[in-house]
Amino acid sequence: MSGEWTRNQVEITAFPHRYEIQARFSDLDPNHHVNNIAIAEMFSEGRSAFIRHMFSRIERPLGFHFVVGQVAVRYLNEARWPNMFTIGTGVLDIGAKSMRLGQAFFMEGACHVIAEAVLVAVQNSATVLLNDAVRAHLEESRLGRQLLPRQLM
């Protein structure tokens, strides 16, 4: 991507999966911002909703799940309570045994936080290859290549 990436470059409509969530009063820091831990939990909820949606459409192999290998979060602007937030989630990359998800946290239509997470496929306590059905669903959920800046190497 040429030039400096800005939060104004990303729109919620670019994300194939969206999850709405309400911050709680207990999520606030002393400055009345939604705190960073609460935002990380909301991204986790968005990833979980993405995976639940996938397995509502395809069969989940017995003992198969994803574990988080890495997460990076970039805070772009303050999030304030009370507000409804939308977590957008989509696939950045698909590996043999993992996927890289891109996420964005929106408040009142504006992007406030972005995240990137690597999720690793596990079955019966061992890493496994992604099967064809999972791979096909992930392909359908891809984000545009230049939508978010790369955060994890």
N, C-alpha and C. Protein backbone atom coordinates (compact mmCIF):
# COMPACT_ATOMS: atom_id res chain seq x y z
N MET A 1 0.85 -1.16 0.00
CA MET A 1 0.00 0.00 0.00
C MET A 1 0.90 1.23 0.00
N SER A 2 0.66 2.14 -0.90
CA SER A 2 1.50 3.33 -0.94
C SER A 2 0.98 4.36 0.06
N GLY A 3 1.91 5.14 0.61
CA GLY A 3 1.52 6.18 1.54
C GLY A 3 1.14 5.62 2.90
N GLU A 4 0.67 6.49 3.76
CA GLU A 4 0.27 6.13 5.12
C GLU A 4 -1.16 5.60 5.14
N TRP A 5 -1.36 4.49 5.80
CA TRP A 5 -2.70 3.92 5.95
C TRP A 5 -3.46 4.74 6.98
N THR A 6 -4.76 5.00 6.71
CA THR A 6 -5.58 5.71 7.69
C THR A 6 -6.86 4.95 7.95
N ARG A 7 -7.45 5.24 9.10
CA ARG A 7 -8.68 4.55 9.49
C ARG A 7 -9.83 4.89 8.56
N ASN A 8 -9.74 5.98 7.83
CA ASN A 8 -10.81 6.37 6.91
C ASN A 8 -10.86 5.51 5.66
N GLN A 9 -9.85 4.67 5.46
CA GLN A 9 -9.80 3.82 4.28
C GLN A 9 -10.66 2.58 4.43
N VAL A 10 -11.13 2.27 5.60
CA VAL A 10 -11.85 1.01 5.82
C VAL A 10 -13.32 1.29 6.14
N GLU A 11 -14.18 0.54 5.46
CA GLU A 11 -15.63 0.64 5.64
C GLU A 11 -16.14 -0.70 6.14
N ILE A 12 -17.16 -0.67 6.97
CA ILE A 12 -17.74 -1.91 7.50
C ILE A 12 -18.25 -2.81 6.38
N THR A 13 -18.71 -2.22 5.28
CA THR A 13 -19.24 -3.02 4.17
C THR A 13 -18.18 -3.90 3.52
N ALA A 14 -16.90 -3.64 3.76
CA ALA A 14 -15.83 -4.45 3.19
C ALA A 14 -15.68 -5.80 3.90
N PHE A 15 -16.32 -5.94 5.07
CA PHE A 15 -16.15 -7.17 5.87
C PHE A 15 -17.30 -8.14 5.62
N PRO A 16 -16.97 -9.38 5.25
CA PRO A 16 -18.02 -10.35 4.96
C PRO A 16 -18.80 -10.80 6.19
N HIS A 17 -18.22 -10.66 7.38
CA HIS A 17 -18.92 -11.07 8.60
C HIS A 17 -18.91 -9.90 9.57
N ARG A 18 -20.10 -9.62 10.15
CA ARG A 18 -20.23 -8.51 11.10
C ARG A 18 -20.94 -8.99 12.35
N TYR A 19 -20.50 -8.46 13.47
CA TYR A 19 -21.05 -8.86 14.77
C TYR A 19 -21.25 -7.60 15.60
N GLU A 20 -22.48 -7.37 16.06
CA GLU A 20 -22.77 -6.20 16.88
C GLU A 20 -22.67 -6.55 18.35
N ILE A 21 -22.14 -5.62 19.12
CA ILE A 21 -21.93 -5.86 20.53
C ILE A 21 -22.07 -4.55 21.30
N GLN A 22 -22.59 -4.63 22.49
CA GLN A 22 -22.78 -3.47 23.36
C GLN A 22 -21.71 -3.49 24.44
N ALA A 23 -21.01 -2.38 24.60
CA ALA A 23 -20.05 -2.29 25.71
C ALA A 23 -20.83 -2.17 27.02
N ARG A 24 -20.23 -2.66 28.07
CA ARG A 24 -20.83 -2.57 29.39
C ARG A 24 -20.16 -1.42 30.16
N PHE A 25 -20.84 -0.91 31.15
CA PHE A 25 -20.26 0.14 31.99
C PHE A 25 -18.95 -0.35 32.61
N SER A 26 -18.91 -1.63 32.95
CA SER A 26 -17.71 -2.20 33.58
C SER A 26 -16.53 -2.27 32.60
N ASP A 27 -16.75 -2.01 31.31
CA ASP A 27 -15.68 -2.03 30.31
C ASP A 27 -14.91 -0.70 30.24
N LEU A 28 -15.32 0.27 31.07
CA LEU A 28 -14.71 1.61 30.98
C LEU A 28 -13.44 1.71 31.82
N ASP A 29 -12.54 2.58 31.33
CA ASP A 29 -11.36 2.92 32.12
C ASP A 29 -11.65 4.21 32.89
N PRO A 30 -10.73 4.70 33.70
CA PRO A 30 -10.99 5.91 34.49
C PRO A 30 -11.31 7.15 33.64
N ASN A 31 -10.94 7.15 32.36
CA ASN A 31 -11.22 8.28 31.47
C ASN A 31 -12.54 8.12 30.72
N HIS A 32 -13.30 7.10 31.09
CA HIS A 32 -14.59 6.78 30.46
C HIS A 32 -14.47 6.36 29.00
N HIS A 33 -13.34 5.77 28.65
CA HIS A 33 -13.15 5.14 27.35
C HIS A 33 -13.38 3.64 27.54
N VAL A 34 -13.82 2.98 26.50
CA VAL A 34 -13.87 1.52 26.54
C VAL A 34 -12.41 1.07 26.59
N ASN A 35 -12.05 0.28 27.60
CA ASN A 35 -10.63 -0.03 27.81
C ASN A 35 -10.12 -1.08 26.81
N ASN A 36 -8.80 -1.16 26.71
CA ASN A 36 -8.17 -2.04 25.72
C ASN A 36 -8.47 -3.51 25.94
N ILE A 37 -8.62 -3.93 27.17
CA ILE A 37 -8.94 -5.34 27.43
C ILE A 37 -10.35 -5.66 26.94
N ALA A 38 -11.29 -4.77 27.18
CA ALA A 38 -12.67 -4.97 26.71
C ALA A 38 -12.71 -5.03 25.19
N ILE A 39 -11.94 -4.17 24.53
CA ILE A 39 -11.91 -4.19 23.07
C ILE A 39 -11.31 -5.51 22.57
N ALA A 40 -10.24 -5.99 23.20
CA ALA A 40 -9.67 -7.28 22.82
C ALA A 40 -10.69 -8.40 23.00
N GLU A 41 -11.48 -8.34 24.07
CA GLU A 41 -12.53 -9.34 24.28
C GLU A 41 -13.60 -9.25 23.20
N MET A 42 -13.93 -8.04 22.76
CA MET A 42 -14.92 -7.88 21.69
C MET A 42 -14.40 -8.45 20.38
N PHE A 43 -13.12 -8.27 20.10
CA PHE A 43 -12.53 -8.91 18.91
C PHE A 43 -12.60 -10.42 19.03
N SER A 44 -12.36 -10.95 20.21
CA SER A 44 -12.47 -12.40 20.44
C SER A 44 -13.90 -12.88 20.17
N GLU A 45 -14.88 -12.12 20.65
CA GLU A 45 -16.29 -12.45 20.38
C GLU A 45 -16.57 -12.44 18.87
N GLY A 46 -16.00 -11.46 18.16
CA GLY A 46 -16.18 -11.39 16.71
C GLY A 46 -15.57 -12.60 16.01
N ARG A 47 -14.39 -13.03 16.45
CA ARG A 47 -13.76 -14.24 15.86
C ARG A 47 -14.60 -15.47 16.15
N SER A 48 -15.09 -15.57 17.38
CA SER A 48 -15.93 -16.71 17.75
C SER A 48 -17.21 -16.74 16.93
N ALA A 49 -17.83 -15.58 16.73
CA ALA A 49 -19.06 -15.52 15.91
C ALA A 49 -18.76 -15.92 14.47
N PHE A 50 -17.61 -15.51 13.95
CA PHE A 50 -17.20 -15.89 12.59
C PHE A 50 -17.09 -17.41 12.47
N ILE A 51 -16.44 -18.04 13.44
CA ILE A 51 -16.26 -19.50 13.41
C ILE A 51 -17.59 -20.22 13.61
N ARG A 52 -18.43 -19.74 14.53
CA ARG A 52 -19.76 -20.36 14.72
C ARG A 52 -20.57 -20.28 13.43
N HIS A 53 -20.51 -19.13 12.76
CA HIS A 53 -21.23 -18.97 11.49
C HIS A 53 -20.72 -19.99 10.45
N MET A 54 -19.40 -20.15 10.38
CA MET A 54 -18.82 -21.11 9.43
C MET A 54 -19.37 -22.51 9.70
N PHE A 55 -19.38 -22.92 10.96
CA PHE A 55 -19.82 -24.27 11.28
C PHE A 55 -21.33 -24.42 11.35
N SER A 56 -22.05 -23.34 11.14
CA SER A 56 -23.50 -23.46 10.95
C SER A 56 -23.80 -23.78 9.48
N ARG A 57 -22.79 -23.57 8.62
CA ARG A 57 -22.95 -23.80 7.18
C ARG A 57 -22.26 -25.07 6.71
N ILE A 58 -21.23 -25.50 7.42
CA ILE A 58 -20.50 -26.73 7.05
C ILE A 58 -20.35 -27.60 8.29
N GLU A 59 -20.10 -28.86 8.08
CA GLU A 59 -19.96 -29.79 9.20
C GLU A 59 -18.61 -29.61 9.88
N ARG A 60 -18.64 -29.56 11.21
CA ARG A 60 -17.41 -29.47 11.99
C ARG A 60 -16.91 -30.89 12.26
N PRO A 61 -15.69 -31.21 11.85
CA PRO A 61 -15.15 -32.53 12.16
C PRO A 61 -15.06 -32.74 13.68
N LEU A 62 -15.28 -33.94 14.13
CA LEU A 62 -15.24 -34.27 15.55
C LEU A 62 -13.89 -33.88 16.14
N GLY A 63 -13.90 -33.10 17.20
CA GLY A 63 -12.68 -32.69 17.89
C GLY A 63 -11.93 -31.55 17.23
N PHE A 64 -12.49 -30.96 16.18
CA PHE A 64 -11.82 -29.89 15.44
C PHE A 64 -12.17 -28.53 16.02
N HIS A 65 -11.16 -27.68 16.19
CA HIS A 65 -11.38 -26.30 16.63
C HIS A 65 -10.17 -25.46 16.22
N PHE A 66 -10.26 -24.17 16.49
CA PHE A 66 -9.15 -23.26 16.23
C PHE A 66 -8.63 -22.71 17.54
N VAL A 67 -7.32 -22.50 17.61
CA VAL A 67 -6.71 -21.83 18.74
C VAL A 67 -5.98 -20.60 18.21
N VAL A 68 -5.90 -19.58 19.06
CA VAL A 68 -5.23 -18.35 18.67
C VAL A 68 -3.73 -18.52 18.82
N GLY A 69 -3.00 -18.23 17.75
CA GLY A 69 -1.54 -18.29 17.77
C GLY A 69 -0.91 -16.93 18.01
N GLN A 70 -1.50 -15.90 17.43
CA GLN A 70 -1.00 -14.53 17.57
C GLN A 70 -2.15 -13.56 17.40
N VAL A 71 -2.02 -12.41 18.06
CA VAL A 71 -2.98 -11.33 17.89
C VAL A 71 -2.22 -10.02 17.95
N ALA A 72 -2.58 -9.09 17.08
CA ALA A 72 -2.05 -7.72 17.13
C ALA A 72 -3.24 -6.78 17.05
N VAL A 73 -3.20 -5.73 17.86
CA VAL A 73 -4.29 -4.76 17.89
C VAL A 73 -3.68 -3.37 17.73
N ARG A 74 -4.29 -2.56 16.88
CA ARG A 74 -3.85 -1.16 16.70
C ARG A 74 -5.04 -0.26 17.02
N TYR A 75 -4.84 0.59 18.04
CA TYR A 75 -5.89 1.52 18.47
C TYR A 75 -5.74 2.82 17.68
N LEU A 76 -6.82 3.23 17.02
CA LEU A 76 -6.79 4.40 16.15
C LEU A 76 -7.51 5.61 16.74
N ASN A 77 -8.51 5.34 17.57
CA ASN A 77 -9.30 6.42 18.15
C ASN A 77 -10.00 5.89 19.39
N GLU A 78 -10.41 6.78 20.28
CA GLU A 78 -11.09 6.38 21.50
C GLU A 78 -12.47 5.82 21.20
N ALA A 79 -12.84 4.82 21.95
CA ALA A 79 -14.21 4.29 21.89
C ALA A 79 -14.92 4.70 23.17
N ARG A 80 -16.10 5.21 23.03
CA ARG A 80 -16.83 5.77 24.17
C ARG A 80 -18.08 4.94 24.47
N TRP A 81 -18.44 4.93 25.73
CA TRP A 81 -19.65 4.28 26.21
C TRP A 81 -20.68 5.36 26.45
N PRO A 82 -21.96 5.17 26.28
CA PRO A 82 -22.60 3.96 25.77
C PRO A 82 -22.72 4.02 24.24
N ASN A 83 -22.40 2.96 23.61
CA ASN A 83 -22.52 2.84 22.15
C ASN A 83 -22.64 1.38 21.78
N MET A 84 -23.25 1.16 20.64
CA MET A 84 -23.20 -0.16 20.02
C MET A 84 -21.97 -0.16 19.14
N PHE A 85 -21.29 -1.27 19.10
CA PHE A 85 -20.10 -1.42 18.28
C PHE A 85 -20.32 -2.56 17.30
N THR A 86 -19.66 -2.47 16.18
CA THR A 86 -19.71 -3.55 15.19
C THR A 86 -18.28 -4.03 14.96
N ILE A 87 -18.11 -5.34 15.04
CA ILE A 87 -16.83 -5.96 14.75
C ILE A 87 -16.94 -6.59 13.37
N GLY A 88 -16.13 -6.12 12.44
CA GLY A 88 -16.07 -6.71 11.11
C GLY A 88 -14.93 -7.71 11.08
N THR A 89 -15.18 -8.88 10.46
CA THR A 89 -14.17 -9.93 10.40
C THR A 89 -14.13 -10.51 8.99
N GLY A 90 -12.93 -10.78 8.53
CA GLY A 90 -12.74 -11.43 7.24
C GLY A 90 -11.37 -12.09 7.19
N VAL A 91 -11.15 -12.86 6.15
CA VAL A 91 -9.92 -13.65 6.02
C VAL A 91 -8.89 -12.88 5.20
N LEU A 92 -7.69 -12.76 5.77
CA LEU A 92 -6.57 -12.13 5.06
C LEU A 92 -5.75 -13.17 4.30
N ASP A 93 -5.43 -14.28 4.97
CA ASP A 93 -4.61 -15.34 4.37
C ASP A 93 -5.09 -16.70 4.85
N ILE A 94 -4.86 -17.71 4.00
CA ILE A 94 -5.18 -19.09 4.36
C ILE A 94 -3.92 -19.90 4.19
N GLY A 95 -3.49 -20.53 5.28
CA GLY A 95 -2.31 -21.39 5.24
C GLY A 95 -2.74 -22.85 5.18
N ALA A 96 -1.78 -23.74 5.29
CA ALA A 96 -2.08 -25.16 5.29
C ALA A 96 -2.84 -25.58 6.55
N LYS A 97 -2.42 -25.02 7.70
CA LYS A 97 -3.01 -25.39 8.99
C LYS A 97 -3.55 -24.19 9.75
N SER A 98 -3.63 -23.04 9.11
CA SER A 98 -4.03 -21.84 9.83
C SER A 98 -4.71 -20.84 8.90
N MET A 99 -5.29 -19.84 9.55
CA MET A 99 -5.85 -18.71 8.81
C MET A 99 -5.45 -17.44 9.54
N ARG A 100 -5.37 -16.37 8.78
CA ARG A 100 -5.07 -15.04 9.32
C ARG A 100 -6.32 -14.20 9.11
N LEU A 101 -6.92 -13.75 10.21
CA LEU A 101 -8.13 -12.94 10.13
C LEU A 101 -7.78 -11.47 10.30
N GLY A 102 -8.50 -10.62 9.57
CA GLY A 102 -8.43 -9.18 9.76
C GLY A 102 -9.74 -8.73 10.37
N GLN A 103 -9.66 -7.82 11.32
CA GLN A 103 -10.85 -7.34 12.00
C GLN A 103 -10.78 -5.83 12.17
N ALA A 104 -11.95 -5.21 12.25
CA ALA A 104 -12.04 -3.79 12.53
C ALA A 104 -13.20 -3.54 13.48
N PHE A 105 -13.02 -2.58 14.35
CA PHE A 105 -13.97 -2.21 15.40
C PHE A 105 -14.56 -0.86 15.00
N PHE A 106 -15.86 -0.84 14.78
CA PHE A 106 -16.54 0.36 14.31
C PHE A 106 -17.48 0.91 15.38
N MET A 107 -17.49 2.23 15.51
CA MET A 107 -18.42 2.93 16.37
C MET A 107 -19.01 4.07 15.54
N GLU A 108 -20.34 4.12 15.49
CA GLU A 108 -21.05 5.15 14.73
C GLU A 108 -20.53 5.26 13.30
N GLY A 109 -20.25 4.10 12.69
CA GLY A 109 -19.83 4.03 11.30
C GLY A 109 -18.36 4.28 11.03
N ALA A 110 -17.59 4.66 12.04
CA ALA A 110 -16.17 4.95 11.86
C ALA A 110 -15.31 3.86 12.49
N CYS A 111 -14.21 3.54 11.83
CA CYS A 111 -13.26 2.55 12.33
C CYS A 111 -12.44 3.17 13.46
N HIS A 112 -12.40 2.47 14.61
CA HIS A 112 -11.67 2.96 15.77
C HIS A 112 -10.48 2.09 16.15
N VAL A 113 -10.54 0.80 15.80
CA VAL A 113 -9.48 -0.14 16.18
C VAL A 113 -9.41 -1.19 15.08
N ILE A 114 -8.20 -1.67 14.78
CA ILE A 114 -8.06 -2.80 13.86
C ILE A 114 -7.28 -3.90 14.56
N ALA A 115 -7.48 -5.13 14.11
CA ALA A 115 -6.79 -6.27 14.69
C ALA A 115 -6.48 -7.29 13.62
N GLU A 116 -5.49 -8.08 13.91
CA GLU A 116 -5.11 -9.19 13.05
C GLU A 116 -4.86 -10.39 13.96
N ALA A 117 -5.34 -11.56 13.59
CA ALA A 117 -5.16 -12.74 14.42
C ALA A 117 -4.85 -13.95 13.55
N VAL A 118 -3.92 -14.76 14.02
CA VAL A 118 -3.62 -16.04 13.37
C VAL A 118 -4.29 -17.12 14.20
N LEU A 119 -5.15 -17.91 13.56
CA LEU A 119 -5.82 -19.02 14.21
C LEU A 119 -5.32 -20.32 13.60
N VAL A 120 -4.98 -21.27 14.45
CA VAL A 120 -4.40 -22.54 14.03
C VAL A 120 -5.44 -23.64 14.21
N ALA A 121 -5.55 -24.51 13.20
CA ALA A 121 -6.49 -25.64 13.24
C ALA A 121 -5.93 -26.76 14.10
N VAL A 122 -6.77 -27.24 15.02
CA VAL A 122 -6.38 -28.30 15.95
C VAL A 122 -7.49 -29.35 15.96
N GLN A 123 -7.07 -30.61 16.00
CA GLN A 123 -8.02 -31.71 16.16
C GLN A 123 -7.38 -32.73 17.07
N ASN A 124 -8.08 -33.06 18.12
CA ASN A 124 -7.58 -34.04 19.10
C ASN A 124 -6.17 -33.68 19.58
N SER A 125 -5.97 -32.43 19.93
CA SER A 125 -4.74 -31.91 20.53
C SER A 125 -3.54 -31.83 19.59
N ALA A 126 -3.75 -31.95 18.29
CA ALA A 126 -2.65 -31.84 17.33
C ALA A 126 -3.06 -30.89 16.20
N THR A 127 -2.10 -30.13 15.69
CA THR A 127 -2.41 -29.29 14.55
C THR A 127 -2.73 -30.17 13.35
N VAL A 128 -3.69 -29.69 12.53
CA VAL A 128 -4.13 -30.46 11.36
C VAL A 128 -4.28 -29.54 10.16
N LEU A 129 -4.28 -30.15 8.98
CA LEU A 129 -4.52 -29.41 7.76
C LEU A 129 -5.98 -28.96 7.72
N LEU A 130 -6.22 -27.81 7.12
CA LEU A 130 -7.59 -27.35 6.90
C LEU A 130 -8.22 -28.23 5.84
N ASN A 131 -9.44 -28.73 6.12
CA ASN A 131 -10.09 -29.58 5.12
C ASN A 131 -10.68 -28.72 4.00
N ASP A 132 -11.13 -29.37 2.94
CA ASP A 132 -11.63 -28.65 1.76
C ASP A 132 -12.84 -27.78 2.06
N ALA A 133 -13.76 -28.25 2.92
CA ALA A 133 -14.96 -27.47 3.24
C ALA A 133 -14.60 -26.20 4.00
N VAL A 134 -13.71 -26.31 4.98
CA VAL A 134 -13.26 -25.14 5.74
C VAL A 134 -12.54 -24.18 4.81
N ARG A 135 -11.65 -24.71 3.99
CA ARG A 135 -10.89 -23.87 3.06
C ARG A 135 -11.83 -23.12 2.11
N ALA A 136 -12.86 -23.79 1.58
CA ALA A 136 -13.81 -23.14 0.67
C ALA A 136 -14.57 -22.02 1.37
N HIS A 137 -15.00 -22.27 2.62
CA HIS A 137 -15.70 -21.21 3.36
C HIS A 137 -14.79 -20.02 3.61
N LEU A 138 -13.54 -20.28 3.95
CA LEU A 138 -12.60 -19.20 4.20
C LEU A 138 -12.36 -18.39 2.92
N GLU A 139 -12.28 -19.06 1.79
CA GLU A 139 -12.11 -18.35 0.51
C GLU A 139 -13.28 -17.40 0.26
N GLU A 140 -14.49 -17.83 0.60
CA GLU A 140 -15.68 -16.98 0.42
C GLU A 140 -15.67 -15.77 1.35
N SER A 141 -14.88 -15.83 2.41
CA SER A 141 -14.87 -14.78 3.43
C SER A 141 -13.62 -13.90 3.36
N ARG A 142 -12.97 -13.89 2.22
CA ARG A 142 -11.74 -13.10 2.07
C ARG A 142 -12.00 -11.60 2.07
N LEU A 143 -11.04 -10.88 2.62
CA LEU A 143 -11.02 -9.42 2.58
C LEU A 143 -10.19 -8.98 1.38
N GLY A 144 -10.41 -7.77 0.93
CA GLY A 144 -9.57 -7.21 -0.11
C GLY A 144 -8.12 -7.15 0.35
N ARG A 145 -7.20 -7.41 -0.52
CA ARG A 145 -5.77 -7.50 -0.18
C ARG A 145 -5.22 -6.25 0.52
N GLN A 146 -5.63 -5.09 0.12
CA GLN A 146 -5.07 -3.85 0.64
C GLN A 146 -5.95 -3.18 1.70
N LEU A 147 -6.96 -3.89 2.20
CA LEU A 147 -7.91 -3.26 3.12
C LEU A 147 -7.26 -2.83 4.43
N LEU A 148 -6.49 -3.73 5.04
CA LEU A 148 -5.87 -3.45 6.34
C LEU A 148 -4.36 -3.58 6.23
N PRO A 149 -3.62 -2.79 7.00
CA PRO A 149 -2.16 -2.94 6.99
C PRO A 149 -1.77 -4.22 7.72
N ARG A 150 -0.71 -4.86 7.29
CA ARG A 150 -0.22 -6.06 7.93
C ARG A 150 0.40 -5.70 9.28
N GLN A 151 0.02 -6.43 10.34
CA GLN A 151 0.53 -6.16 11.67
C GLN A 151 1.43 -7.28 12.20
N LEU A 152 1.17 -8.50 11.79
CA LEU A 152 1.95 -9.65 12.27
C LEU A 152 2.84 -10.16 11.15
N MET A 153 4.02 -10.58 11.52
CA MET A 153 4.95 -11.15 10.52
C MET A 153 5.04 -12.64 10.71
